[in-house]
C-alpha atoms as a PDB file:
ATOM      1  CA  MET A   1       2.386   6.495  31.409  1.00  0.00           C
ATOM      2  CA  THR A   2       2.908   3.459  28.972  1.00  0.00           C
ATOM      3  CA  LYS A   3       6.039   4.053  26.756  1.00  0.00           C
ATOM      4  CA  PRO A   4       4.894   4.797  23.576  1.00  0.00           C
ATOM      5  CA  THR A   5       4.637   2.419  20.632  1.00  0.00           C
ATOM      6  CA  TYR A   6       3.581   4.272  17.025  1.00  0.00           C
ATOM      7  CA  VAL A   7       8.002   4.583  15.551  1.00  0.00           C
ATOM      8  CA  ASP A   8       7.304   0.303  16.225  1.00  0.00           C
ATOM      9  CA  ASP A   9       3.728  -0.201  14.659  1.00  0.00           C
ATOM     10  CA  HIS A  10       5.113   2.261  11.379  1.00  0.00           C
ATOM     11  CA  ALA A  11       7.335  -0.130  10.813  1.00  0.00           C
ATOM     12  CA  ALA A  12       5.498  -3.579  11.973  1.00  0.00           C
ATOM     13  CA  ILE A  13       2.492  -1.535   9.462  1.00  0.00           C
ATOM     14  CA  THR A  14       4.739  -1.121   6.941  1.00  0.00           C
ATOM     15  CA  GLU A  15       6.662  -4.826   6.676  1.00  0.00           C
ATOM     16  CA  VAL A  16       3.034  -5.940   6.849  1.00  0.00           C
ATOM     17  CA  LEU A  17       2.391  -3.849   3.553  1.00  0.00           C
ATOM     18  CA  ASN A  18       4.783  -4.516   1.850  1.00  0.00           C
ATOM     19  CA  LYS A  19       4.677  -8.126   1.710  1.00  0.00           C
ATOM     20  CA  TYR A  20       1.184  -7.251  -0.383  1.00  0.00           C
ATOM     21  CA  ILE A  21       3.366  -5.231  -2.326  1.00  0.00           C
ATOM     22  CA  GLU A  22       5.936  -7.700  -2.648  1.00  0.00           C
ATOM     23  CA  GLY A  23       2.812 -10.518  -3.397  1.00  0.00           C
ATOM     24  CA  CYS A  24       1.658  -8.459  -6.396  1.00  0.00           C
ATOM     25  CA  LYS A  25       5.437  -7.271  -7.593  1.00  0.00           C
ATOM     26  CA  GLN A  26       6.119 -11.300  -8.134  1.00  0.00           C
ATOM     27  CA  ALA A  27       2.140 -12.561  -9.078  1.00  0.00           C
ATOM     28  CA  ASN A  28       2.292 -14.524  -6.147  1.00  0.00           C
ATOM     29  CA  SER A  29      -1.299 -14.341  -3.501  1.00  0.00           C
ATOM     30  CA  ALA A  30       1.661 -16.341  -0.680  1.00  0.00           C
ATOM     31  CA  ILE A  31       3.979 -14.071  -0.722  1.00  0.00           C
ATOM     32  CA  MET A  32       1.403 -11.599   0.451  1.00  0.00           C
ATOM     33  CA  LYS A  33      -1.237 -14.050   2.219  1.00  0.00           C
ATOM     34  CA  PRO A  34       0.366 -14.021   5.955  1.00  0.00           C
ATOM     35  CA  ALA A  35      -0.650 -10.182   5.604  1.00  0.00           C
ATOM     36  CA  PHE A  36      -4.370 -10.840   5.465  1.00  0.00           C
ATOM     37  CA  ALA A  37      -7.047 -11.926   8.168  1.00  0.00           C
ATOM     38  CA  GLU A  38      -8.525 -15.160   6.909  1.00  0.00           C
ATOM     39  CA  GLU A  39     -12.100 -13.050   7.351  1.00  0.00           C
ATOM     40  CA  ALA A  40     -10.123 -10.388   5.344  1.00  0.00           C
ATOM     41  CA  THR A  41     -12.624  -8.749   2.753  1.00  0.00           C
ATOM     42  CA  ILE A  42     -11.861  -6.794  -0.184  1.00  0.00           C
ATOM     43  CA  PHE A  43     -14.034  -4.046  -2.000  1.00  0.00           C
ATOM     44  CA  GLY A  44     -14.105  -2.086  -5.788  1.00  0.00           C
ATOM     45  CA  MET A  45     -15.420  -0.288  -8.422  1.00  0.00           C
ATOM     46  CA  GLU A  46     -15.991  -3.087 -11.200  1.00  0.00           C
ATOM     47  CA  ASN A  47     -17.469  -1.399 -14.403  1.00  0.00           C
ATOM     48  CA  GLY A  48     -19.667   1.569 -12.704  1.00  0.00           C
ATOM     49  CA  LYS A  49     -20.642  -1.300  -9.992  1.00  0.00           C
ATOM     50  CA  LEU A  50     -19.438  -2.557  -6.494  1.00  0.00           C
ATOM     51  CA  SER A  51     -17.557  -5.568  -5.797  1.00  0.00           C
ATOM     52  CA  SER A  52     -16.836  -6.904  -2.822  1.00  0.00           C
ATOM     53  CA  GLY A  53     -15.746 -10.085  -1.413  1.00  0.00           C
ATOM     54  CA  ALA A  54     -13.699 -12.297   0.723  1.00  0.00           C
ATOM     55  CA  ILE A  55     -10.230 -11.343   0.156  1.00  0.00           C
ATOM     56  CA  GLU A  56      -9.655 -15.131  -1.554  1.00  0.00           C
ATOM     57  CA  VAL A  57     -10.747 -13.146  -4.909  1.00  0.00           C
ATOM     58  CA  LEU A  58      -7.405 -11.292  -4.252  1.00  0.00           C
ATOM     59  CA  TYR A  59      -5.683 -13.815  -3.943  1.00  0.00           C
ATOM     60  CA  LYS A  60      -7.566 -15.783  -7.298  1.00  0.00           C
ATOM     61  CA  GLY A  61      -6.710 -12.957  -9.101  1.00  0.00           C
ATOM     62  CA  ILE A  62      -2.969 -12.240  -8.773  1.00  0.00           C
ATOM     63  CA  ASP A  63      -2.201 -15.625  -9.197  1.00  0.00           C
ATOM     64  CA  THR A  64      -3.964 -15.931 -12.513  1.00  0.00           C
ATOM     65  CA  ALA A  65      -4.776 -12.655 -14.290  1.00  0.00           C
ATOM     66  CA  PHE A  66      -1.038 -10.614 -12.420  1.00  0.00           C
ATOM     67  CA  ARG A  67       2.528 -11.535 -14.391  1.00  0.00           C
ATOM     68  CA  PRO A  68       5.250 -10.485 -12.376  1.00  0.00           C
ATOM     69  CA  SER A  69       6.500  -7.222 -12.716  1.00  0.00           C
ATOM     70  CA  PRO A  70       9.552  -6.287 -11.674  1.00  0.00           C
ATOM     71  CA  GLU A  71       9.165  -2.244 -13.032  1.00  0.00           C
ATOM     72  CA  ALA A  72       6.264  -1.876 -10.374  1.00  0.00           C
ATOM     73  CA  ARG A  73       6.296   0.600  -7.445  1.00  0.00           C
ATOM     74  CA  ALA A  74       4.774   1.624  -4.964  1.00  0.00           C
ATOM     75  CA  VAL A  75       4.898   4.484  -2.464  1.00  0.00           C
ATOM     76  CA  PHE A  76       3.008   4.995   1.321  1.00  0.00           C
ATOM     77  CA  ALA A  77       0.942   7.801   0.379  1.00  0.00           C
ATOM     78  CA  TYR A  78      -0.183   8.194   3.865  1.00  0.00           C
ATOM     79  CA  MET A  79      -0.732   6.196   7.370  1.00  0.00           C
ATOM     80  CA  ASP A  80      -2.364   7.092  10.319  1.00  0.00           C
ATOM     81  CA  ILE A  81      -2.143   4.929  13.684  1.00  0.00           C
ATOM     82  CA  ASN A  82      -4.732   4.811  16.338  1.00  0.00           C
ATOM     83  CA  HIS A  83      -3.715   1.942  19.023  1.00  0.00           C
ATOM     84  CA  THR A  84      -4.558  -1.264  17.786  1.00  0.00           C
ATOM     85  CA  ALA A  85      -6.625   0.260  14.253  1.00  0.00           C
ATOM     86  CA  ALA A  86      -5.037   1.855  11.720  1.00  0.00           C
ATOM     87  CA  SER A  87      -5.598   3.081   7.853  1.00  0.00           C
ATOM     88  CA  ALA A  88      -3.406   3.277   5.502  1.00  0.00           C
ATOM     89  CA  ARG A  89      -3.065   4.061   1.604  1.00  0.00           C
ATOM     90  CA  VAL A  90      -1.161   2.420  -1.174  1.00  0.00           C
ATOM     91  CA  ASP A  91      -0.123   3.703  -4.754  1.00  0.00           C
ATOM     92  CA  SER A  92       1.338   1.635  -6.741  1.00  0.00           C
ATOM     93  CA  ASN A  93       1.967   1.762 -10.694  1.00  0.00           C
ATOM     94  CA  ASP A  94       3.069  -0.638 -13.162  1.00  0.00           C
ATOM     95  CA  VAL A  95       2.255  -3.850 -11.807  1.00  0.00           C
ATOM     96  CA  SER A  96       0.208  -6.419 -14.026  1.00  0.00           C
ATOM     97  CA  GLY A  97       0.984  -2.920 -16.201  1.00  0.00           C
ATOM     98  CA  PHE A  98      -1.799  -1.563 -13.725  1.00  0.00           C
ATOM     99  CA  CYS A  99      -1.691   0.956 -11.706  1.00  0.00           C
ATOM    100  CA  PHE A 100      -3.681   1.161  -8.653  1.00  0.00           C
ATOM    101  CA  THR A 101      -5.154   3.312  -5.286  1.00  0.00           C
ATOM    102  CA  ASP A 102      -5.404   0.851  -2.235  1.00  0.00           C
ATOM    103  CA  TYR A 103      -7.282   1.809   1.606  1.00  0.00           C
ATOM    104  CA  PHE A 104      -6.306  -0.913   3.383  1.00  0.00           C
ATOM    105  CA  ASN A 105      -7.764  -1.120   7.122  1.00  0.00           C
ATOM    106  CA  LEU A 106      -6.242  -2.785  10.305  1.00  0.00           C
ATOM    107  CA  LEU A 107      -6.449  -3.986  13.207  1.00  0.00           C
ATOM    108  CA  LYS A 108      -3.432  -4.875  15.339  1.00  0.00           C
ATOM    109  CA  ILE A 109      -4.417  -8.829  16.806  1.00  0.00           C
ATOM    110  CA  ASP A 110      -2.887 -10.334  19.970  1.00  0.00           C
ATOM    111  CA  GLY A 111       0.177  -7.830  18.918  1.00  0.00           C
ATOM    112  CA  THR A 112       0.917  -8.684  15.474  1.00  0.00           C
ATOM    113  CA  TRP A 113      -0.957  -6.466  12.485  1.00  0.00           C
ATOM    114  CA  THR A 114      -3.446  -7.907  10.250  1.00  0.00           C
ATOM    115  CA  ILE A 115      -4.879  -6.334   7.258  1.00  0.00           C
ATOM    116  CA  ILE A 116      -8.833  -6.881   7.454  1.00  0.00           C
ATOM    117  CA  ALA A 117      -9.683  -4.551   4.561  1.00  0.00           C
ATOM    118  CA  LYS A 118      -9.176  -3.941   1.738  1.00  0.00           C
ATOM    119  CA  SER A 119     -10.731  -1.633  -0.953  1.00  0.00           C
ATOM    120  CA  THR A 120      -9.295  -0.583  -4.619  1.00  0.00           C
ATOM    121  CA  THR A 121      -9.214   1.880  -7.246  1.00  0.00           C
ATOM    122  CA  PRO A 122      -7.002   1.525 -10.687  1.00  0.00           C
ATOM    123  CA  THR A 123      -5.449   5.026 -11.744  1.00  0.00           C
ATOM    124  CA  THR A 124      -4.627   5.637 -15.422  1.00  0.00           C
ATOM    125  CA  ARG A 125      -1.826   7.921 -14.521  1.00  0.00           C
ATOM    126  CA  LEU A 126       0.233   8.791 -11.166  1.00  0.00           C
ATOM    127  CA  PRO A 127      -1.445  12.282  -9.233  1.00  0.00           C
ATOM    128  CA  PRO A 128       0.499  15.590 -10.392  1.00  0.00           C
ATOM    129  CA  ASP A 129       1.279  16.107  -6.053  1.00  0.00           C
ATOM    130  CA  ARG A 130       2.565  12.085  -6.606  1.00  0.00           C
ATOM    131  CA  ARG A 131       5.516  13.404  -8.896  1.00  0.00           C
ATOM    132  CA  MET A 132       7.569  14.041  -6.551  1.00  0.00           C
ATOM    133  CA  HIS A 133       7.556  10.206  -4.601  1.00  0.00           C
ATOM    134  CA  GLU A 134       7.678   8.866  -8.510  1.00  0.00           C
ATOM    135  CA  ARG A 135      11.366  10.732  -8.695  1.00  0.00           C
ATOM    136  CA  TYR A 136      12.180   9.215  -5.324  1.00  0.00           C
ATOM    137  CA  LEU A 137      11.241   5.697  -6.764  1.00  0.00           C
ATOM    138  CA  THR A 138      12.719   6.029  -9.454  1.00  0.00           C
ATOM    139  CA  LYS A 139      15.641   6.554  -7.591  1.00  0.00           C
ATOM    140  CA  LYS A 140      15.787   5.116  -4.833  1.00  0.00           C
ATOM    141  CA  GLY A 141      12.996   2.374  -5.298  1.00  0.00           C
ATOM    142  CA  TRP A 142      11.112   0.965  -3.137  1.00  0.00           C
ATOM    143  CA  LEU A 143      10.864   2.396   0.088  1.00  0.00           C
ATOM    144  CA  ASN A 144       9.079   4.550   2.325  1.00  0.00           C
ATOM    145  CA  CYS A 145       8.257   8.028   0.624  1.00  0.00           C
ATOM    146  CA  GLN A 146       5.961   9.714   3.740  1.00  0.00           C
ATOM    147  CA  ALA A 147       9.634  10.772   5.640  1.00  0.00           C
ATOM    148  CA  ILE A 148      11.333  12.270   2.915  1.00  0.00           C
ATOM    149  CA  ILE A 149       7.729  14.168   1.801  1.00  0.00           C
ATOM    150  CA  SER A 150       7.533  15.842   5.294  1.00  0.00           C
ATOM    151  CA  ARG A 151      11.321  17.074   5.429  1.00  0.00           C
ATOM    152  CA  HIS A 152      10.191  18.773   2.423  1.00  0.00           C
ATOM    153  CA  VAL A 153       7.269  20.449   3.587  1.00  0.00           C
ATOM    154  CA  ALA A 154       9.025  21.181   7.190  1.00  0.00           C
ATOM    155  CA  ILE A 155      11.856  22.850   5.004  1.00  0.00           C
ATOM    156  CA  GLY A 156       9.514  24.606   2.317  1.00  0.00           C
ATOM    157  CA  ILE A 157      10.518  22.025  -0.924  1.00  0.00           C
ATOM    158  CA  THR A 158       7.778  21.987  -3.051  1.00  0.00           C
ATOM    159  CA  THR A 159       7.502  19.009  -6.187  1.00  0.00           C
ATOM    160  CA  ARG A 160       8.935  22.280  -8.403  1.00  0.00           C
ATOM    161  CA  ASP A 161      12.285  22.145  -6.695  1.00  0.00           C
ATOM    162  CA  MET A 162      12.350  18.183  -7.302  1.00  0.00           C
ATOM    163  CA  GLU A 163      12.376  18.886 -11.450  1.00  0.00           C
END
């Protein structure tokens, strides 16, 4: 029987996604580049039409159109890991004045988790079920709230209890 790696994989993926988040926060693509495969792609909707391309499109946008955003916050809404493949959702607020929901596909390549694809959609405000995350991020800074939410669900705390 092989040793389970979920906890280690979760931590490694969190580290990879934090490189992306920090690169956005500092408006510096050099910080996020190590998180992405050279062949990675980006997809999204722009003016109602599919927009896609090589990950360099993201790097160029971060370096030219974004500004440093020390007030930016992010939360890992979910992470799904299955052997050498994973997906994750990251909700970000106040990144250069924008709010995004990003979906990432990752592969474990030569023992290292790497983002191979990113799809994104802008959001205008935090969805109601994410308000609890917002409160924790305001108080605690950058952290992974997934464990907090899991604990609250397990003991029956709702967002109403957090107000």
